[in-house]
Amino acid sequence: MPTLFAEDENIAAQVVSAIEKTEMPVVEILQRGDIAKKVLKQAAQIKKTALIGAGTVCTIEQCKEVVDLGADFIVSPGFNPELVDWCVKNKVKVIPGVSNPSEIMLSVNAGLSLLKAYPFNEFGGLKFFDSIAGAFPQVRFVATGSLGEDDLHYLSHKRIAAIGGVWMFQTESDHTLYNKEKIVDIMNKSITIAKRYKMQ
C-alpha cells in the first residue's frame, strides 16, 4: 500500500493523478503535521476513483478530524480500543496496528479482519508472524514499518494482503518525489512484482 509522508501541500494533485493511472488507486497519507492535513483534504476533494487513507491516527479526536477532511479509511500505528470502537460504530474502515496475539484478539472481537502488522521486521518478521498467524485464520495483514520494494516477497505469504511503504513516493535520497510519471513507473513496477509473489 503506497504510503505518503507529505512535505509539501502542493503534492496532492500529482499523487492522486499518479495513483489513479495504476491498478492500485490507493494511498495512505501519514498525518504528521499541518501540511499532512492539507494534503489529505485536497486529495479527498480532487480524487475520482482513488481511496484516500489517513495514517498515524492515534486518537478519536484525530479520527473525527480526518474523516471530516474526507479520509476513506483510517490506519493507526497501534490498537486504541476507543478509536476502533468509534470507527466500527460509525462505519469507518479502520486498520489498527498490532504486534502481539492479544492485540489481534481484541481486533477480531471488534469485528475486524484486516490488520496492520507493525513494525513487521522489528517484531520478528515472517518467523514471528508464522508462529501466531495460524491461530487467527480469519485475519489478513498489511505488513508495514520501514519496508521497501525488496520486502515485496512477503506477499508470497497467503495471510499478508499488502506491504505498506513510502518507497513509491521517495527518491533515493529519501526526499518526496514530485514527478507524476516517475511515481507511476515505480508503482507499476511494484504492482508487477507484487502480482508475481501473490501467484506463488
Protein backbone atom coordinates (compact mmCIF):
# COMPACT_ATOMS: atom_id res chain seq x y z
CA MET A 1 0.00 0.00 0.00
CA PRO A 2 1.56 3.31 -1.06
CA THR A 3 2.31 5.49 1.96
CA LEU A 4 2.95 9.22 1.64
CA PHE A 5 4.89 11.39 4.05
CA ALA A 6 3.65 14.80 2.90
CA GLU A 7 6.30 17.51 2.95
CA ASP A 8 4.62 19.93 0.55
CA GLU A 9 0.94 20.84 0.46
CA ASN A 10 1.09 21.10 -3.35
CA ILE A 11 1.79 17.40 -3.88
CA ALA A 12 -1.83 16.20 -3.62
CA ALA A 13 -2.69 16.65 -7.30
CA GLN A 14 0.40 14.79 -8.51
CA VAL A 15 -0.14 11.90 -6.12
CA VAL A 16 -3.85 11.45 -6.84
CA SER A 17 -3.33 11.75 -10.59
CA ALA A 18 -0.48 9.24 -10.44
CA ILE A 19 -2.20 6.54 -8.40
CA GLU A 20 -5.36 6.79 -10.50
CA LYS A 21 -3.27 5.81 -13.53
CA THR A 22 -2.35 2.49 -11.89
CA GLU A 23 -4.18 -0.68 -10.85
CA MET A 24 -3.71 0.32 -7.21
CA PRO A 25 -5.53 3.67 -6.76
CA VAL A 26 -4.99 3.89 -3.02
CA VAL A 27 -2.72 5.90 -0.74
CA GLU A 28 -2.20 6.25 2.99
CA ILE A 29 -1.29 9.84 3.85
CA LEU A 30 0.59 9.91 7.15
CA GLN A 31 -0.89 12.53 9.47
CA ARG A 32 2.25 14.13 10.82
CA GLY A 33 1.89 17.90 10.94
CA ASP A 34 -0.45 20.50 9.48
CA ILE A 35 0.78 20.00 5.92
CA ALA A 36 -0.47 16.42 6.02
CA LYS A 37 -3.98 17.60 6.87
CA LYS A 38 -3.98 19.99 3.92
CA VAL A 39 -2.74 17.29 1.56
CA LEU A 40 -5.37 14.84 2.82
CA LYS A 41 -8.17 17.37 2.34
CA GLN A 42 -7.01 18.31 -1.15
CA ALA A 43 -6.57 14.68 -2.19
CA ALA A 44 -10.06 13.80 -0.97
CA GLN A 45 -11.56 16.74 -2.86
CA ILE A 46 -9.94 16.06 -6.24
CA LYS A 47 -9.99 12.25 -6.34
CA LYS A 48 -12.14 10.38 -8.83
CA THR A 49 -11.54 6.68 -8.20
CA ALA A 50 -8.80 6.70 -5.57
CA LEU A 51 -9.16 5.59 -1.97
CA ILE A 52 -7.55 8.14 0.34
CA GLY A 53 -6.48 6.89 3.76
CA ALA A 54 -5.23 8.75 6.81
CA GLY A 55 -2.30 7.15 8.62
CA THR A 56 -0.71 7.68 12.04
CA VAL A 57 -4.16 8.29 13.54
CA CYS A 58 -3.89 7.69 17.28
CA THR A 59 -6.91 9.32 18.95
CA ILE A 60 -10.65 9.64 18.44
CA GLU A 61 -10.21 13.38 18.01
CA GLN A 62 -7.73 12.81 15.19
CA CYS A 63 -10.01 10.21 13.70
CA LYS A 64 -13.02 12.51 13.61
CA GLU A 65 -10.92 15.29 12.11
CA VAL A 66 -9.52 13.23 9.23
CA VAL A 67 -12.93 11.72 8.48
CA ASP A 68 -14.31 15.26 8.25
CA LEU A 69 -11.44 16.08 5.90
CA GLY A 70 -12.54 13.24 3.62
CA ALA A 71 -10.49 10.17 4.57
CA ASP A 72 -11.92 6.92 3.18
CA PHE A 73 -10.16 4.78 5.77
CA ILE A 74 -8.06 5.06 8.92
CA VAL A 75 -4.70 3.46 9.69
CA SER A 76 -3.38 3.52 13.25
CA PRO A 77 0.10 2.52 14.48
CA GLY A 78 -1.42 0.62 17.41
CA PHE A 79 -4.66 -0.71 18.83
CA ASN A 80 -6.68 2.01 20.56
CA PRO A 81 -9.94 0.36 21.70
CA GLU A 82 -11.83 3.66 21.85
CA LEU A 83 -10.72 4.66 18.36
CA VAL A 84 -11.59 1.25 16.90
CA ASP A 85 -14.97 1.25 18.65
CA TRP A 86 -15.79 4.70 17.26
CA CYS A 87 -14.84 3.63 13.74
CA VAL A 88 -16.88 0.44 13.91
CA LYS A 89 -19.95 2.25 15.26
CA ASN A 90 -19.66 4.96 12.60
CA LYS A 91 -18.93 2.53 9.75
CA VAL A 92 -15.47 3.98 9.13
CA LYS A 93 -12.95 1.47 7.77
CA VAL A 94 -10.05 1.15 10.19
CA ILE A 95 -6.79 -0.81 10.11
CA PRO A 96 -5.23 -0.80 13.59
CA GLY A 97 -1.62 -1.74 14.22
CA VAL A 98 -0.96 -4.99 16.08
CA SER A 99 2.23 -6.67 17.25
CA ASN A 100 1.09 -9.48 19.54
CA PRO A 101 -1.70 -12.07 19.90
CA SER A 102 -3.62 -10.04 22.49
CA GLU A 103 -4.00 -7.07 20.14
CA ILE A 104 -5.07 -9.38 17.33
CA MET A 105 -7.72 -10.93 19.59
CA LEU A 106 -9.03 -7.51 20.58
CA SER A 107 -9.25 -6.56 16.91
CA VAL A 108 -11.07 -9.76 15.98
CA ASN A 109 -13.51 -9.23 18.86
CA ALA A 110 -14.21 -5.78 17.42
CA GLY A 111 -15.18 -7.39 14.13
CA LEU A 112 -12.04 -6.54 12.15
CA SER A 113 -10.36 -8.89 9.68
CA LEU A 114 -7.66 -6.67 8.12
CA LEU A 115 -4.92 -5.52 10.49
CA LYS A 116 -1.62 -3.68 10.29
CA ALA A 117 1.38 -5.80 11.36
CA TYR A 118 3.66 -3.10 12.73
CA PRO A 119 6.59 -2.84 12.97
CA PHE A 120 6.83 -6.04 10.95
CA ASN A 121 10.56 -6.73 10.83
CA GLU A 122 11.23 -5.38 14.31
CA PHE A 123 8.77 -7.76 15.99
CA GLY A 124 10.19 -10.80 14.25
CA GLY A 125 9.19 -10.69 10.59
CA LEU A 126 7.90 -13.84 8.93
CA LYS A 127 9.28 -16.14 11.63
CA PHE A 128 7.23 -14.49 14.38
CA PHE A 129 4.30 -13.95 12.04
CA ASP A 130 4.14 -17.64 11.15
CA SER A 131 4.12 -18.56 14.83
CA ILE A 132 0.96 -16.56 15.57
CA ALA A 133 -0.94 -16.19 12.28
CA GLY A 134 -2.19 -19.76 12.34
CA ALA A 135 -4.26 -19.04 15.43
CA PHE A 136 -6.24 -16.39 13.56
CA PRO A 137 -7.31 -17.87 10.20
CA GLN A 138 -9.91 -15.14 9.66
CA VAL A 139 -7.37 -12.31 9.68
CA ARG A 140 -5.19 -10.86 6.93
CA PHE A 141 -2.41 -8.36 7.47
CA VAL A 142 -0.81 -5.28 5.95
CA ALA A 143 2.90 -5.52 6.79
CA THR A 144 4.49 -2.12 7.47
CA GLY A 145 7.42 -0.45 9.20
CA SER A 146 10.47 0.68 7.21
CA LEU A 147 9.67 -1.77 4.42
CA GLY A 148 10.63 -1.29 0.79
CA GLU A 149 10.49 -2.86 -2.64
CA ASP A 150 12.95 -5.56 -1.52
CA ASP A 151 10.35 -6.75 1.01
CA LEU A 152 7.59 -7.43 -1.53
CA HIS A 153 8.44 -11.13 -1.30
CA TYR A 154 6.46 -11.15 1.96
CA LEU A 155 3.37 -11.12 -0.25
CA SER A 156 4.01 -14.78 -1.07
CA HIS A 157 2.59 -15.49 2.40
CA LYS A 158 -1.13 -16.04 1.87
CA ARG A 159 -2.06 -14.13 5.04
CA ILE A 160 -0.27 -10.94 4.05
CA ALA A 161 -2.65 -8.84 1.97
CA ALA A 162 -0.35 -5.90 1.30
CA ILE A 163 3.00 -4.27 2.03
CA GLY A 164 2.94 -0.65 3.15
CA GLY A 165 5.83 1.69 2.46
CA VAL A 166 6.95 5.13 1.34
CA TRP A 167 9.34 3.99 -1.40
CA MET A 168 6.83 4.69 -4.19
CA PHE A 169 6.88 8.38 -3.34
CA GLN A 170 10.54 8.91 -2.49
CA THR A 171 13.80 9.48 -4.30
CA GLU A 172 16.96 7.56 -3.45
CA SER A 173 17.88 10.41 -1.07
CA ASP A 174 14.56 9.93 0.77
CA HIS A 175 13.01 13.18 -0.44
CA THR A 176 9.39 13.31 -1.57
CA LEU A 177 9.02 12.57 -5.27
CA TYR A 178 7.05 15.13 -7.29
CA ASN A 179 7.34 13.70 -10.80
CA LYS A 180 4.00 12.07 -11.63
CA GLU A 181 5.39 9.87 -14.40
CA LYS A 182 8.15 8.58 -12.12
CA ILE A 183 5.62 7.76 -9.39
CA VAL A 184 3.52 5.82 -11.91
CA ASP A 185 6.59 3.91 -13.13
CA ILE A 186 7.63 2.95 -9.59
CA MET A 187 4.09 1.91 -8.65
CA ASN A 188 3.59 -0.17 -11.79
CA LYS A 189 6.91 -1.92 -11.19
CA SER A 190 5.90 -2.69 -7.59
CA ILE A 191 2.47 -3.91 -8.69
CA THR A 192 4.04 -6.27 -11.24
CA ILE A 193 6.40 -7.70 -8.61
CA ALA A 194 3.56 -7.98 -6.07
CA LYS A 195 1.37 -9.91 -8.51
CA ARG A 196 4.18 -12.36 -9.15
CA TYR A 197 4.57 -13.10 -5.45
CA LYS A 198 0.81 -13.36 -4.84
CA MET A 199 0.59 -16.03 -7.55
CA GLN A 200 3.11 -18.27 -5.79
